[in-house]
Amino acid sequence: MTTLPAFCTPLSADWPLPTPLAGCQMRSTHFDRQRLLPDDFSLSQVAAPANIQRSVAKRQAEYLAGRLCARAALQASGSDATVPGTDEERAPVWPAGFCGSITHGDGWAAAVVAHSRDWRGLGLDVETRLDSARAQRLAGEILTPGELSRLHPEQAALQVTLTFSLKESLFKALFPLVRQRFYFEHAELIQWSAGGHARLRLLTDLSPEWHHGKEIDGQFSLMGERLLSLVAIPAGN
């Protein structure tokens, strides 16, 4: 076992979303970038890619905290606790037989991991809830015309944050399967409930399987000023 650096809190195994997913392991931590030390990467036995080595302390802390969560989630899933590498798209490279996702924001990081026999794709995203003014400014960039027509003025900030986060999670879950980039206008949030369940629809053709009109389930939770979302693609789907 490696020593957890002092800039991170002990890793939590709690599942903060409304519906636990069989075979999925999640680990999360709060972290303080101001407490990150120069030797924390080596102490943790995590190699920093060149772009992370050149980055500011905030980005280094986010990367290391996320990789520590990912390693712990892999270990809990039965892996040999490998730290995911990074591909040319700067996305995590998971060990053979596993899939996962990492997210971080506002001093919090998490990773979710599963065996590929259970889940084909996982997308996890955390966002700080937008205030009303910023949500109004960003709505036109994030929401499709259909989503804009369903926007409730009293819930606009929550809806814009939720839509942004779920589309980020959808991209993380699908990109490893289709290896094709898509953007906010290529999917829409068609349903969501106060209980934390949501449904998205693709508005573009990414592959014969992932085509225009394909619907995908998601879930989310509110954690104070943070919103966490997850999109998971079952192995049988």
Protein backbone atom coordinates (compact mmCIF):
# COMPACT_ATOMS: atom_id res chain seq x y z
CA MET A 1 0.00 0.00 0.00
CA THR A 2 1.20 3.50 -0.79
CA THR A 3 0.87 6.43 1.60
CA LEU A 4 -1.97 8.83 0.88
CA PRO A 5 -0.55 12.37 0.59
CA ALA A 6 -1.71 14.91 3.15
CA PHE A 7 -3.43 17.14 0.58
CA CYS A 8 -6.20 14.47 0.25
CA THR A 9 -8.75 13.31 2.78
CA PRO A 10 -9.11 9.53 3.31
CA LEU A 11 -10.79 7.98 0.29
CA SER A 12 -14.52 7.38 0.63
CA ALA A 13 -16.28 4.30 -0.77
CA ASP A 14 -19.74 5.87 -0.44
CA TRP A 15 -22.06 5.82 -3.47
CA PRO A 16 -23.47 9.37 -3.63
CA LEU A 17 -25.87 8.78 -6.53
CA PRO A 18 -29.49 7.59 -6.19
CA THR A 19 -29.10 4.12 -7.75
CA PRO A 20 -26.12 1.84 -7.00
CA LEU A 21 -24.89 -0.05 -10.05
CA ALA A 22 -23.97 -3.70 -9.63
CA GLY A 23 -20.27 -4.28 -10.18
CA CYS A 24 -19.31 -0.59 -10.02
CA GLN A 25 -16.85 0.73 -7.47
CA MET A 26 -16.56 4.43 -6.68
CA ARG A 27 -13.91 6.19 -4.62
CA SER A 28 -13.82 9.91 -3.82
CA THR A 29 -11.77 12.42 -1.85
CA HIS A 30 -11.69 16.07 -0.88
CA PHE A 31 -8.37 17.73 -1.58
CA ASP A 32 -6.59 21.00 -0.87
CA ARG A 33 -4.29 22.06 -3.69
CA GLN A 34 -2.45 24.44 -1.39
CA ARG A 35 -1.20 21.45 0.60
CA LEU A 36 0.18 19.62 -2.44
CA LEU A 37 3.93 18.97 -2.02
CA PRO A 38 6.50 18.55 -4.81
CA ASP A 39 7.16 14.91 -3.93
CA ASP A 40 3.52 13.84 -3.56
CA PHE A 41 3.51 12.17 -6.98
CA SER A 42 6.53 10.04 -6.18
CA LEU A 43 5.23 9.36 -2.67
CA SER A 44 2.01 8.11 -4.21
CA GLN A 45 3.78 6.14 -6.96
CA VAL A 46 1.85 8.02 -9.64
CA ALA A 47 3.69 9.16 -12.77
CA ALA A 48 2.73 12.63 -13.98
CA PRO A 49 2.49 13.08 -17.78
CA ALA A 50 4.57 15.88 -19.26
CA ASN A 51 1.61 18.25 -19.58
CA ILE A 52 0.77 17.74 -15.89
CA GLN A 53 4.39 18.32 -14.86
CA ARG A 54 4.26 21.68 -16.64
CA SER A 55 0.88 22.66 -15.21
CA VAL A 56 -0.06 24.77 -12.19
CA ALA A 57 -0.56 23.30 -8.72
CA LYS A 58 -4.35 23.26 -9.11
CA ARG A 59 -4.21 21.01 -12.17
CA GLN A 60 -1.55 18.79 -10.60
CA ALA A 61 -3.65 18.34 -7.47
CA GLU A 62 -6.75 17.50 -9.54
CA TYR A 63 -4.85 14.95 -11.60
CA LEU A 64 -3.22 13.23 -8.63
CA ALA A 65 -6.40 13.15 -6.54
CA GLY A 66 -8.33 11.67 -9.46
CA ARG A 67 -5.69 9.01 -10.16
CA LEU A 68 -5.57 8.03 -6.47
CA CYS A 69 -9.34 7.51 -6.55
CA ALA A 70 -9.05 5.53 -9.78
CA ARG A 71 -6.36 3.24 -8.42
CA ALA A 72 -8.39 2.53 -5.28
CA ALA A 73 -11.52 1.83 -7.33
CA LEU A 74 -9.56 -0.51 -9.61
CA GLN A 75 -8.14 -2.33 -6.62
CA ALA A 76 -11.64 -2.70 -5.14
CA SER A 77 -12.77 -4.14 -8.50
CA GLY A 78 -10.09 -6.82 -8.43
CA SER A 79 -7.40 -5.15 -10.53
CA ASP A 80 -3.78 -5.04 -9.41
CA ALA A 81 -4.30 -1.34 -8.52
CA THR A 82 -2.73 0.01 -11.70
CA VAL A 83 -2.88 3.78 -12.11
CA PRO A 84 -4.64 4.55 -15.42
CA GLY A 85 -2.37 6.04 -18.04
CA THR A 86 -3.28 8.86 -20.42
CA ASP A 87 -3.90 8.56 -24.17
CA GLU A 88 -3.33 11.10 -26.96
CA GLU A 89 -6.77 12.59 -26.20
CA ARG A 90 -5.67 13.04 -22.55
CA ALA A 91 -8.31 10.51 -21.50
CA PRO A 92 -7.60 7.75 -18.96
CA VAL A 93 -6.35 4.42 -20.30
CA TRP A 94 -7.91 1.64 -18.24
CA PRO A 95 -6.37 -1.81 -17.79
CA ALA A 96 -7.66 -4.55 -20.09
CA GLY A 97 -10.96 -5.89 -18.83
CA PHE A 98 -11.99 -2.70 -17.03
CA CYS A 99 -13.68 0.58 -17.84
CA GLY A 100 -14.04 3.69 -15.76
CA SER A 101 -14.24 7.44 -15.47
CA ILE A 102 -12.56 10.16 -13.40
CA THR A 103 -13.87 13.59 -12.47
CA HIS A 104 -12.75 16.48 -10.29
CA GLY A 105 -13.82 19.99 -9.46
CA ASP A 106 -13.85 22.51 -6.62
CA GLY A 107 -11.60 20.49 -4.33
CA TRP A 108 -13.35 17.14 -4.85
CA ALA A 109 -12.35 14.18 -7.01
CA ALA A 110 -13.89 10.80 -7.74
CA ALA A 111 -13.52 7.76 -9.98
CA VAL A 112 -15.88 4.95 -10.88
CA VAL A 113 -14.65 1.60 -12.22
CA ALA A 114 -16.23 -1.67 -13.35
CA HIS A 115 -15.37 -4.87 -15.18
CA SER A 116 -15.98 -4.61 -18.91
CA ARG A 117 -18.05 -7.79 -18.70
CA ASP A 118 -20.60 -5.79 -16.64
CA TRP A 119 -20.36 -2.28 -18.12
CA ARG A 120 -19.08 -1.16 -21.52
CA GLY A 121 -18.76 2.52 -20.76
CA LEU A 122 -18.87 4.80 -17.73
CA GLY A 123 -19.01 8.59 -17.66
CA LEU A 124 -18.78 10.52 -14.38
CA ASP A 125 -18.84 14.30 -14.12
CA VAL A 126 -18.99 16.82 -11.27
CA GLU A 127 -19.85 20.48 -11.77
CA THR A 128 -20.25 23.45 -9.47
CA ARG A 129 -23.86 24.59 -9.73
CA LEU A 130 -24.18 27.65 -11.95
CA ASP A 131 -25.73 30.82 -10.63
CA SER A 132 -28.76 32.19 -12.47
CA ALA A 133 -26.89 34.89 -14.39
CA ARG A 134 -24.21 32.54 -15.71
CA ALA A 135 -26.78 29.87 -16.52
CA GLN A 136 -28.69 32.37 -18.67
CA ARG A 137 -25.49 33.33 -20.49
CA LEU A 138 -24.53 29.73 -21.19
CA ALA A 139 -27.95 28.30 -21.96
CA GLY A 140 -27.73 29.02 -25.67
CA GLU A 141 -24.36 27.23 -25.95
CA ILE A 142 -25.31 24.14 -23.93
CA LEU A 143 -29.01 23.59 -24.63
CA THR A 144 -30.63 22.53 -27.89
CA PRO A 145 -33.74 24.36 -29.12
CA GLY A 146 -35.84 21.57 -27.64
CA GLU A 147 -34.12 21.86 -24.27
CA LEU A 148 -34.53 25.63 -24.31
CA SER A 149 -38.25 25.22 -24.92
CA ARG A 150 -38.48 23.01 -21.82
CA LEU A 151 -36.49 25.36 -19.59
CA HIS A 152 -38.35 26.39 -16.43
CA PRO A 153 -37.35 29.93 -15.40
CA GLU A 154 -37.36 29.12 -11.68
CA GLN A 155 -35.15 26.06 -12.27
CA ALA A 156 -33.00 27.43 -15.09
CA ALA A 157 -29.71 27.39 -13.17
CA LEU A 158 -30.21 23.78 -12.07
CA GLN A 159 -31.36 22.64 -15.51
CA VAL A 160 -28.44 24.22 -17.35
CA THR A 161 -25.95 22.77 -14.85
CA LEU A 162 -27.61 19.37 -15.05
CA THR A 163 -27.71 19.35 -18.84
CA PHE A 164 -24.05 20.39 -19.06
CA SER A 165 -22.96 17.69 -16.61
CA LEU A 166 -25.00 14.88 -18.15
CA LYS A 167 -23.71 15.68 -21.62
CA GLU A 168 -20.15 15.60 -20.28
CA SER A 169 -20.87 12.21 -18.68
CA LEU A 170 -22.43 10.95 -21.92
CA PHE A 171 -19.33 11.94 -23.87
CA LYS A 172 -17.04 10.19 -21.38
CA ALA A 173 -19.13 7.02 -21.55
CA LEU A 174 -19.49 6.88 -25.33
CA PHE A 175 -16.22 8.24 -26.69
CA PRO A 176 -14.19 5.09 -25.87
CA LEU A 177 -16.82 3.06 -27.77
CA VAL A 178 -17.20 5.24 -30.86
CA ARG A 179 -13.85 7.12 -30.89
CA GLN A 180 -15.66 10.07 -32.42
CA ARG A 181 -16.03 13.49 -30.86
CA PHE A 182 -19.47 15.02 -30.42
CA TYR A 183 -20.68 18.19 -28.78
CA PHE A 184 -23.50 19.74 -26.78
CA GLU A 185 -25.78 20.09 -29.80
CA HIS A 186 -25.49 16.38 -30.60
CA ALA A 187 -27.51 15.16 -27.61
CA GLU A 188 -30.47 16.39 -25.60
CA LEU A 189 -31.83 15.85 -22.12
CA ILE A 190 -35.39 14.65 -22.61
CA GLN A 191 -36.38 13.66 -19.06
CA TRP A 192 -35.20 14.27 -15.53
CA SER A 193 -36.73 13.86 -12.11
CA ALA A 194 -36.19 15.31 -8.65
CA GLY A 195 -35.22 11.79 -7.59
CA GLY A 196 -32.05 11.99 -9.65
CA HIS A 197 -32.91 10.00 -12.78
CA ALA A 198 -32.51 11.32 -16.32
CA ARG A 199 -32.73 10.24 -19.94
CA LEU A 200 -30.80 11.58 -22.93
CA ARG A 201 -31.26 11.20 -26.68
CA LEU A 202 -28.58 11.31 -29.36
CA LEU A 203 -29.15 13.84 -32.15
CA THR A 204 -26.37 12.57 -34.40
CA ASP A 205 -25.06 9.30 -35.86
CA LEU A 206 -21.88 8.17 -34.10
CA SER A 207 -21.95 4.55 -35.26
CA PRO A 208 -24.55 2.04 -36.47
CA GLU A 209 -25.33 1.24 -32.83
CA TRP A 210 -25.12 4.77 -31.43
CA HIS A 211 -27.38 6.52 -33.89
CA HIS A 212 -29.68 9.53 -34.04
CA GLY A 213 -32.61 8.88 -31.72
CA LYS A 214 -30.83 6.40 -29.44
CA GLU A 215 -31.80 6.98 -25.80
CA ILE A 216 -29.50 6.51 -22.81
CA ASP A 217 -30.25 6.62 -19.09
CA GLY A 218 -28.32 8.72 -16.59
CA GLN A 219 -28.52 9.66 -12.94
CA PHE A 220 -27.42 12.59 -10.81
CA SER A 221 -27.25 13.92 -7.28
CA LEU A 222 -26.85 17.31 -5.65
CA MET A 223 -24.08 17.59 -3.08
CA GLY A 224 -24.30 21.10 -1.68
CA GLU A 225 -23.05 23.38 -4.45
CA ARG A 226 -21.86 20.42 -6.54
CA LEU A 227 -23.84 18.35 -9.02
CA LEU A 228 -22.60 14.85 -9.82
CA SER A 229 -23.85 12.88 -12.83
CA LEU A 230 -23.22 9.40 -14.19
CA VAL A 231 -23.99 7.72 -17.49
CA ALA A 232 -23.38 3.97 -17.59
CA ILE A 233 -23.62 1.71 -20.66
CA PRO A 234 -24.46 -1.88 -19.69
CA ALA A 235 -22.44 -4.68 -21.27
CA GLY A 236 -25.57 -6.13 -22.82
CA ASN A 237 -26.51 -2.82 -24.45
